[in-house]
Amino acid sequence: MQSSGRPHDDPAGDVVRWAAFSCLLVPVVLVVYGTSFGGAAVATLGLFVVTAACLVLLRHSERTAARVRAEERLPSAHRRRHSRSAPAGRRGCRTSDSASPHD
């Protein structure tokens, strides 16, 4: 059962939201423990850059995986061209009443 009441249809978005929360939390913790505001600002900027890069990579990975899944669902041209509905013994037969040379 999910506590938020919404389905998890975007796991990458959840990861990015937690990363953004961390980007906001880290400077607060740094300032509380004695780091200067400038140092905390630089750390925050670095975390936001890393988070943005991870978001771009996650979205690219999702698009690539979706494209691969879509291509796997489509039958290849080779399989379509050679697929037959007739049984294997009747593949070369054009009409049902013609005699084959093997009869």
Protein backbone atom coordinates (compact mmCIF):
# COMPACT_ATOMS: atom_id res chain seq x y z
CA MET A 1 0.00 0.00 0.00
CA GLN A 2 1.36 3.39 -0.95
CA SER A 3 1.19 6.11 1.65
CA SER A 4 1.04 9.08 -0.73
CA GLY A 5 -2.10 7.89 -2.51
CA ARG A 6 -0.60 8.27 -5.99
CA PRO A 7 0.85 5.54 -8.17
CA HIS A 8 4.61 5.40 -8.66
CA ASP A 9 4.69 5.78 -12.41
CA ASP A 10 7.86 7.91 -12.40
CA PRO A 11 10.59 6.30 -10.29
CA ALA A 12 13.25 8.56 -11.81
CA GLY A 13 11.20 11.58 -10.74
CA ASP A 14 11.10 10.24 -7.20
CA VAL A 15 14.89 9.90 -7.19
CA VAL A 16 15.30 13.44 -8.48
CA ARG A 17 12.87 14.82 -5.89
CA TRP A 18 14.87 13.17 -3.09
CA ALA A 19 18.09 14.52 -4.59
CA ALA A 20 16.62 18.04 -4.72
CA PHE A 21 15.55 17.70 -1.09
CA SER A 22 19.09 16.68 -0.21
CA CYS A 23 20.46 19.66 -2.13
CA LEU A 24 18.40 21.89 0.13
CA LEU A 25 19.16 20.01 3.33
CA VAL A 26 22.94 19.75 2.95
CA PRO A 27 23.67 23.51 3.08
CA VAL A 28 21.51 23.88 6.17
CA VAL A 29 23.47 21.12 7.89
CA LEU A 30 26.77 22.61 6.72
CA VAL A 31 25.90 26.05 8.12
CA VAL A 32 24.68 24.56 11.41
CA TYR A 33 27.99 22.73 11.82
CA GLY A 34 30.08 25.84 11.18
CA THR A 35 30.73 26.05 7.45
CA SER A 36 30.59 29.54 5.98
CA PHE A 37 27.62 30.61 3.90
CA GLY A 38 29.89 30.88 0.86
CA GLY A 39 31.14 27.33 1.32
CA ALA A 40 27.60 26.07 1.77
CA ALA A 41 26.51 27.95 -1.37
CA VAL A 42 29.32 26.40 -3.42
CA ALA A 43 28.41 22.93 -2.11
CA THR A 44 24.75 23.56 -2.97
CA LEU A 45 25.63 24.68 -6.49
CA GLY A 46 27.76 21.58 -7.00
CA LEU A 47 24.99 19.30 -5.75
CA PHE A 48 22.47 20.96 -8.07
CA VAL A 49 24.78 20.50 -11.06
CA VAL A 50 25.29 16.81 -10.23
CA THR A 51 21.53 16.36 -9.70
CA ALA A 52 20.73 18.01 -13.03
CA ALA A 53 23.27 15.81 -14.83
CA CYS A 54 21.79 12.70 -13.21
CA LEU A 55 18.30 13.79 -14.26
CA VAL A 56 19.43 14.17 -17.87
CA LEU A 57 21.09 10.74 -17.81
CA LEU A 58 18.06 9.09 -16.20
CA ARG A 59 15.66 10.54 -18.78
CA HIS A 60 17.95 9.52 -21.62
CA SER A 61 18.14 6.00 -20.21
CA GLU A 62 14.34 5.82 -19.91
CA ARG A 63 13.86 6.96 -23.52
CA THR A 64 16.42 4.45 -24.77
CA ALA A 65 14.84 1.59 -22.81
CA ALA A 66 11.37 2.53 -24.10
CA ARG A 67 12.67 2.59 -27.68
CA VAL A 68 14.30 -0.84 -27.27
CA ARG A 69 11.10 -2.30 -25.79
CA ALA A 70 9.05 -0.86 -28.67
CA GLU A 71 11.44 -2.34 -31.25
CA GLU A 72 11.31 -5.75 -29.56
CA ARG A 73 7.51 -5.80 -29.81
CA LEU A 74 7.54 -5.23 -33.57
CA PRO A 75 8.08 -8.36 -35.64
CA SER A 76 11.16 -8.17 -37.80
CA ALA A 77 10.84 -8.11 -41.59
CA HIS A 78 12.64 -11.45 -41.79
CA ARG A 79 10.07 -13.20 -39.59
CA ARG A 80 7.11 -11.62 -41.40
CA ARG A 81 8.40 -12.61 -44.83
CA HIS A 82 8.91 -16.27 -43.92
CA SER A 83 5.96 -16.86 -41.67
CA ARG A 84 3.29 -19.12 -43.13
CA SER A 85 -0.05 -20.26 -41.90
CA ALA A 86 -0.06 -23.55 -43.82
CA PRO A 87 1.36 -26.73 -42.28
CA ALA A 88 4.95 -27.58 -43.15
CA GLY A 89 3.98 -30.40 -45.55
CA ARG A 90 1.90 -28.09 -47.79
CA ARG A 91 4.20 -25.09 -48.08
CA GLY A 92 5.03 -25.52 -51.77
CA CYS A 93 1.53 -26.52 -52.87
CA ARG A 94 -0.38 -23.86 -54.84
CA THR A 95 -3.74 -25.61 -55.11
CA SER A 96 -5.27 -28.32 -53.05
CA ASP A 97 -6.25 -30.62 -55.98
CA SER A 98 -3.01 -30.56 -57.99
CA ALA A 99 -0.93 -33.69 -57.86
CA SER A 100 2.63 -33.37 -56.72
CA PRO A 101 5.43 -35.10 -58.67
CA HIS A 102 6.07 -37.28 -55.61
CA ASP A 103 2.63 -38.99 -55.75
